[in-house]
């Protein structure tokens, strides 16, 4: 039945094809808004949780340059625990931790970090540096009575 006022327009409703198209378009729009709000609140929630791992690295570097090596080592370790990083960065930070402990004469604490650096290093020079320091620490630990018993058990 045609609309008596406007010729050519249906008076009984819209065709099923147009209804399906409008329904699909509505669902896509709702899904897009849902994803938008999920992303928005996810970013806001991340900012509310506190600073990311980069401040720990900056604090560690500042503490190290101030001569506070123990506190710097704690911050580097926190950075390694919390940050997502590539293997090369992990190797560099692990080597830095190993050097800090080696500089303090604590090879027992330095050796695990040096081994991490050696195994994570993609760079041959970095791996060689870590390997050399690790071998020196191993030799020092084997010479000491306490270190030797720890390594031989």
C-alpha atoms as a PDB file:
ATOM      1  CA  UNK A   1       0.000   0.000   0.000  1.00  0.00           C
ATOM      2  CA  UNK A   2       1.413   3.367  -0.992  1.00  0.00           C
ATOM      3  CA  UNK A   3       1.429   6.472   1.140  1.00  0.00           C
ATOM      4  CA  UNK A   4      -1.355   8.673  -0.139  1.00  0.00           C
ATOM      5  CA  UNK A   5       0.461  11.905   0.721  1.00  0.00           C
ATOM      6  CA  UNK A   6       3.858  11.094  -0.808  1.00  0.00           C
ATOM      7  CA  UNK A   7       3.857   8.937  -3.882  1.00  0.00           C
ATOM      8  CA  UNK A   8       6.552   6.201  -3.934  1.00  0.00           C
ATOM      9  CA  UNK A   9       7.137   5.925  -0.157  1.00  0.00           C
ATOM     10  CA  UNK A  10       5.981   2.780   1.640  1.00  0.00           C
ATOM     11  CA  UNK A  11       3.380   3.335   4.343  1.00  0.00           C
ATOM     12  CA  UNK A  12       3.658  -0.079   6.054  1.00  0.00           C
ATOM     13  CA  UNK A  13       7.272   0.028   7.294  1.00  0.00           C
ATOM     14  CA  UNK A  14      10.835  -0.423   6.174  1.00  0.00           C
ATOM     15  CA  UNK A  15      12.092  -3.344   4.138  1.00  0.00           C
ATOM     16  CA  UNK A  16      13.793  -6.247   6.028  1.00  0.00           C
ATOM     17  CA  UNK A  17      17.120  -5.672   4.247  1.00  0.00           C
ATOM     18  CA  UNK A  18      17.364  -2.108   5.532  1.00  0.00           C
ATOM     19  CA  UNK A  19      16.365  -3.216   9.052  1.00  0.00           C
ATOM     20  CA  UNK A  20      19.150  -5.818   9.129  1.00  0.00           C
ATOM     21  CA  UNK A  21      21.702  -3.304   7.834  1.00  0.00           C
ATOM     22  CA  UNK A  22      20.724  -0.721  10.476  1.00  0.00           C
ATOM     23  CA  UNK A  23      20.806  -3.379  13.227  1.00  0.00           C
ATOM     24  CA  UNK A  24      24.311  -4.547  12.213  1.00  0.00           C
ATOM     25  CA  UNK A  25      25.551  -0.956  12.008  1.00  0.00           C
ATOM     26  CA  UNK A  26      24.139  -0.273  15.493  1.00  0.00           C
ATOM     27  CA  UNK A  27      25.910  -3.327  16.962  1.00  0.00           C
ATOM     28  CA  UNK A  28      29.229  -2.314  15.385  1.00  0.00           C
ATOM     29  CA  UNK A  29      28.857   1.199  16.801  1.00  0.00           C
ATOM     30  CA  UNK A  30      28.121  -0.128  20.295  1.00  0.00           C
ATOM     31  CA  UNK A  31      31.136  -2.456  20.120  1.00  0.00           C
ATOM     32  CA  UNK A  32      33.379   0.426  18.995  1.00  0.00           C
ATOM     33  CA  UNK A  33      32.237   2.589  21.912  1.00  0.00           C
ATOM     34  CA  UNK A  34      32.775  -0.288  24.353  1.00  0.00           C
ATOM     35  CA  UNK A  35      36.351  -0.806  23.101  1.00  0.00           C
ATOM     36  CA  UNK A  36      37.004   2.925  23.302  1.00  0.00           C
ATOM     37  CA  UNK A  37      35.881   3.124  26.946  1.00  0.00           C
ATOM     38  CA  UNK A  38      37.816  -0.015  27.884  1.00  0.00           C
ATOM     39  CA  UNK A  39      41.000   1.507  26.433  1.00  0.00           C
ATOM     40  CA  UNK A  40      40.299   4.881  28.027  1.00  0.00           C
ATOM     41  CA  UNK A  41      39.711   3.490  31.520  1.00  0.00           C
ATOM     42  CA  UNK A  42      42.622   1.073  31.135  1.00  0.00           C
ATOM     43  CA  UNK A  43      44.996   3.965  30.499  1.00  0.00           C
ATOM     44  CA  UNK A  44      43.545   6.010  33.337  1.00  0.00           C
ATOM     45  CA  UNK A  45      43.819   3.047  35.703  1.00  0.00           C
ATOM     46  CA  UNK A  46      47.452   2.496  34.694  1.00  0.00           C
ATOM     47  CA  UNK A  47      48.282   6.106  35.467  1.00  0.00           C
ATOM     48  CA  UNK A  48      46.578   5.829  38.843  1.00  0.00           C
ATOM     49  CA  UNK A  49      48.641   2.779  39.832  1.00  0.00           C
ATOM     50  CA  UNK A  50      51.820   4.791  39.945  1.00  0.00           C
ATOM     51  CA  UNK A  51      54.836   5.492  37.823  1.00  0.00           C
ATOM     52  CA  UNK A  52      56.080   2.975  35.350  1.00  0.00           C
ATOM     53  CA  UNK A  53      59.463   1.341  35.540  1.00  0.00           C
ATOM     54  CA  UNK A  54      61.376   4.192  33.875  1.00  0.00           C
ATOM     55  CA  UNK A  55      61.604   6.276  37.086  1.00  0.00           C
ATOM     56  CA  UNK A  56      63.315   3.353  38.854  1.00  0.00           C
ATOM     57  CA  UNK A  57      66.007   3.362  36.192  1.00  0.00           C
ATOM     58  CA  UNK A  58      66.464   7.123  36.504  1.00  0.00           C
ATOM     59  CA  UNK A  59      66.574   6.920  40.305  1.00  0.00           C
ATOM     60  CA  UNK A  60      69.086   4.054  40.117  1.00  0.00           C
ATOM     61  CA  UNK A  61      71.348   6.030  37.804  1.00  0.00           C
ATOM     62  CA  UNK A  62      71.133   9.102  40.053  1.00  0.00           C
ATOM     63  CA  UNK A  63      71.920   7.045  43.161  1.00  0.00           C
ATOM     64  CA  UNK A  64      74.854   5.379  41.414  1.00  0.00           C
ATOM     65  CA  UNK A  65      76.336   8.689  40.341  1.00  0.00           C
ATOM     66  CA  UNK A  66      75.892   9.964  43.922  1.00  0.00           C
ATOM     67  CA  UNK A  67      77.949   7.003  45.155  1.00  0.00           C
ATOM     68  CA  UNK A  68      75.060   5.176  46.840  1.00  0.00           C
ATOM     69  CA  UNK A  69      75.739   1.850  45.194  1.00  0.00           C
ATOM     70  CA  UNK A  70      73.607  -0.374  47.460  1.00  0.00           C
ATOM     71  CA  UNK A  71      70.516   1.769  46.989  1.00  0.00           C
ATOM     72  CA  UNK A  72      71.196   1.995  43.256  1.00  0.00           C
ATOM     73  CA  UNK A  73      71.420  -1.803  43.062  1.00  0.00           C
ATOM     74  CA  UNK A  74      67.992  -2.081  44.733  1.00  0.00           C
ATOM     75  CA  UNK A  75      66.483   0.293  42.181  1.00  0.00           C
ATOM     76  CA  UNK A  76      68.089  -1.540  39.243  1.00  0.00           C
ATOM     77  CA  UNK A  77      66.689  -4.820  40.597  1.00  0.00           C
ATOM     78  CA  UNK A  78      63.209  -3.256  40.867  1.00  0.00           C
ATOM     79  CA  UNK A  79      63.536  -2.047  37.289  1.00  0.00           C
ATOM     80  CA  UNK A  80      64.446  -5.542  36.101  1.00  0.00           C
ATOM     81  CA  UNK A  81      61.471  -7.036  37.954  1.00  0.00           C
ATOM     82  CA  UNK A  82      58.864  -4.604  36.691  1.00  0.00           C
ATOM     83  CA  UNK A  83      59.862  -3.365  33.260  1.00  0.00           C
ATOM     84  CA  UNK A  84      59.202  -5.050  29.974  1.00  0.00           C
ATOM     85  CA  UNK A  85      62.395  -4.759  27.976  1.00  0.00           C
ATOM     86  CA  UNK A  86      64.334  -6.440  25.243  1.00  0.00           C
ATOM     87  CA  UNK A  87      67.185  -8.825  25.941  1.00  0.00           C
ATOM     88  CA  UNK A  88      69.882  -6.263  25.200  1.00  0.00           C
ATOM     89  CA  UNK A  89      68.520  -3.818  27.780  1.00  0.00           C
ATOM     90  CA  UNK A  90      68.108  -6.632  30.313  1.00  0.00           C
ATOM     91  CA  UNK A  91      71.736  -7.641  29.691  1.00  0.00           C
ATOM     92  CA  UNK A  92      73.024  -4.063  30.118  1.00  0.00           C
ATOM     93  CA  UNK A  93      71.123  -3.516  33.373  1.00  0.00           C
ATOM     94  CA  UNK A  94      72.191  -6.932  34.697  1.00  0.00           C
ATOM     95  CA  UNK A  95      75.805  -6.123  33.859  1.00  0.00           C
ATOM     96  CA  UNK A  96      75.459  -2.805  35.679  1.00  0.00           C
ATOM     97  CA  UNK A  97      74.141  -4.635  38.741  1.00  0.00           C
ATOM     98  CA  UNK A  98      76.995  -7.118  38.544  1.00  0.00           C
ATOM     99  CA  UNK A  99      79.526  -4.303  38.307  1.00  0.00           C
ATOM    100  CA  UNK A 100      78.006  -2.518  41.296  1.00  0.00           C
ATOM    101  CA  UNK A 101      78.302  -5.623  43.465  1.00  0.00           C
ATOM    102  CA  UNK A 102      81.763  -6.430  42.104  1.00  0.00           C
ATOM    103  CA  UNK A 103      82.874  -2.877  42.929  1.00  0.00           C
ATOM    104  CA  UNK A 104      81.732  -3.460  46.497  1.00  0.00           C
ATOM    105  CA  UNK A 105      83.725  -6.713  46.576  1.00  0.00           C
ATOM    106  CA  UNK A 106      80.582  -8.865  46.869  1.00  0.00           C
ATOM    107  CA  UNK A 107      81.112 -11.512  44.203  1.00  0.00           C
ATOM    108  CA  UNK A 108      78.441 -13.784  45.675  1.00  0.00           C
ATOM    109  CA  UNK A 109      75.791 -11.167  44.846  1.00  0.00           C
ATOM    110  CA  UNK A 110      77.452 -10.076  41.604  1.00  0.00           C
ATOM    111  CA  UNK A 111      77.788 -13.500  39.994  1.00  0.00           C
ATOM    112  CA  UNK A 112      74.076 -14.180  39.302  1.00  0.00           C
ATOM    113  CA  UNK A 113      73.690 -10.795  37.627  1.00  0.00           C
ATOM    114  CA  UNK A 114      76.836 -11.275  35.572  1.00  0.00           C
ATOM    115  CA  UNK A 115      75.599 -14.674  34.417  1.00  0.00           C
ATOM    116  CA  UNK A 116      72.228 -13.143  33.484  1.00  0.00           C
ATOM    117  CA  UNK A 117      74.046 -10.478  31.500  1.00  0.00           C
ATOM    118  CA  UNK A 118      76.242 -13.054  29.780  1.00  0.00           C
ATOM    119  CA  UNK A 119      73.283 -15.220  28.778  1.00  0.00           C
ATOM    120  CA  UNK A 120      71.018 -12.334  27.739  1.00  0.00           C
ATOM    121  CA  UNK A 121      73.597 -10.406  25.765  1.00  0.00           C
ATOM    122  CA  UNK A 122      73.071 -10.313  22.042  1.00  0.00           C
ATOM    123  CA  UNK A 123      76.093  -8.042  21.722  1.00  0.00           C
ATOM    124  CA  UNK A 124      79.373  -9.977  21.694  1.00  0.00           C
ATOM    125  CA  UNK A 125      81.317  -7.227  23.473  1.00  0.00           C
ATOM    126  CA  UNK A 126      78.786  -7.009  26.286  1.00  0.00           C
ATOM    127  CA  UNK A 127      78.712 -10.792  26.617  1.00  0.00           C
ATOM    128  CA  UNK A 128      82.507 -10.931  26.718  1.00  0.00           C
ATOM    129  CA  UNK A 129      82.650  -8.247  29.412  1.00  0.00           C
ATOM    130  CA  UNK A 130      80.065 -10.069  31.529  1.00  0.00           C
ATOM    131  CA  UNK A 131      81.828 -13.400  30.971  1.00  0.00           C
ATOM    132  CA  UNK A 132      85.197 -11.970  32.028  1.00  0.00           C
ATOM    133  CA  UNK A 133      83.801 -10.442  35.220  1.00  0.00           C
ATOM    134  CA  UNK A 134      81.871 -13.637  35.992  1.00  0.00           C
ATOM    135  CA  UNK A 135      85.020 -15.763  35.639  1.00  0.00           C
ATOM    136  CA  UNK A 136      86.938 -13.422  37.973  1.00  0.00           C
ATOM    137  CA  UNK A 137      84.130 -13.668  40.548  1.00  0.00           C
ATOM    138  CA  UNK A 138      84.009 -17.453  40.218  1.00  0.00           C
ATOM    139  CA  UNK A 139      87.765 -17.650  40.810  1.00  0.00           C
ATOM    140  CA  UNK A 140      87.508 -15.352  43.819  1.00  0.00           C
ATOM    141  CA  UNK A 141      84.647 -17.396  45.286  1.00  0.00           C
ATOM    142  CA  UNK A 142      86.508 -20.668  44.756  1.00  0.00           C
ATOM    143  CA  UNK A 143      89.573 -19.300  46.579  1.00  0.00           C
ATOM    144  CA  UNK A 144      87.606 -18.213  49.632  1.00  0.00           C
ATOM    145  CA  UNK A 145      86.701 -20.978  52.111  1.00  0.00           C
ATOM    146  CA  UNK A 146      83.072 -19.896  52.368  1.00  0.00           C
ATOM    147  CA  UNK A 147      82.684 -19.319  48.600  1.00  0.00           C
ATOM    148  CA  UNK A 148      84.325 -22.614  47.709  1.00  0.00           C
ATOM    149  CA  UNK A 149      81.948 -24.632  49.860  1.00  0.00           C
ATOM    150  CA  UNK A 150      78.966 -22.812  48.382  1.00  0.00           C
ATOM    151  CA  UNK A 151      80.024 -23.501  44.795  1.00  0.00           C
ATOM    152  CA  UNK A 152      80.982 -27.119  45.378  1.00  0.00           C
ATOM    153  CA  UNK A 153      77.783 -28.208  47.114  1.00  0.00           C
END
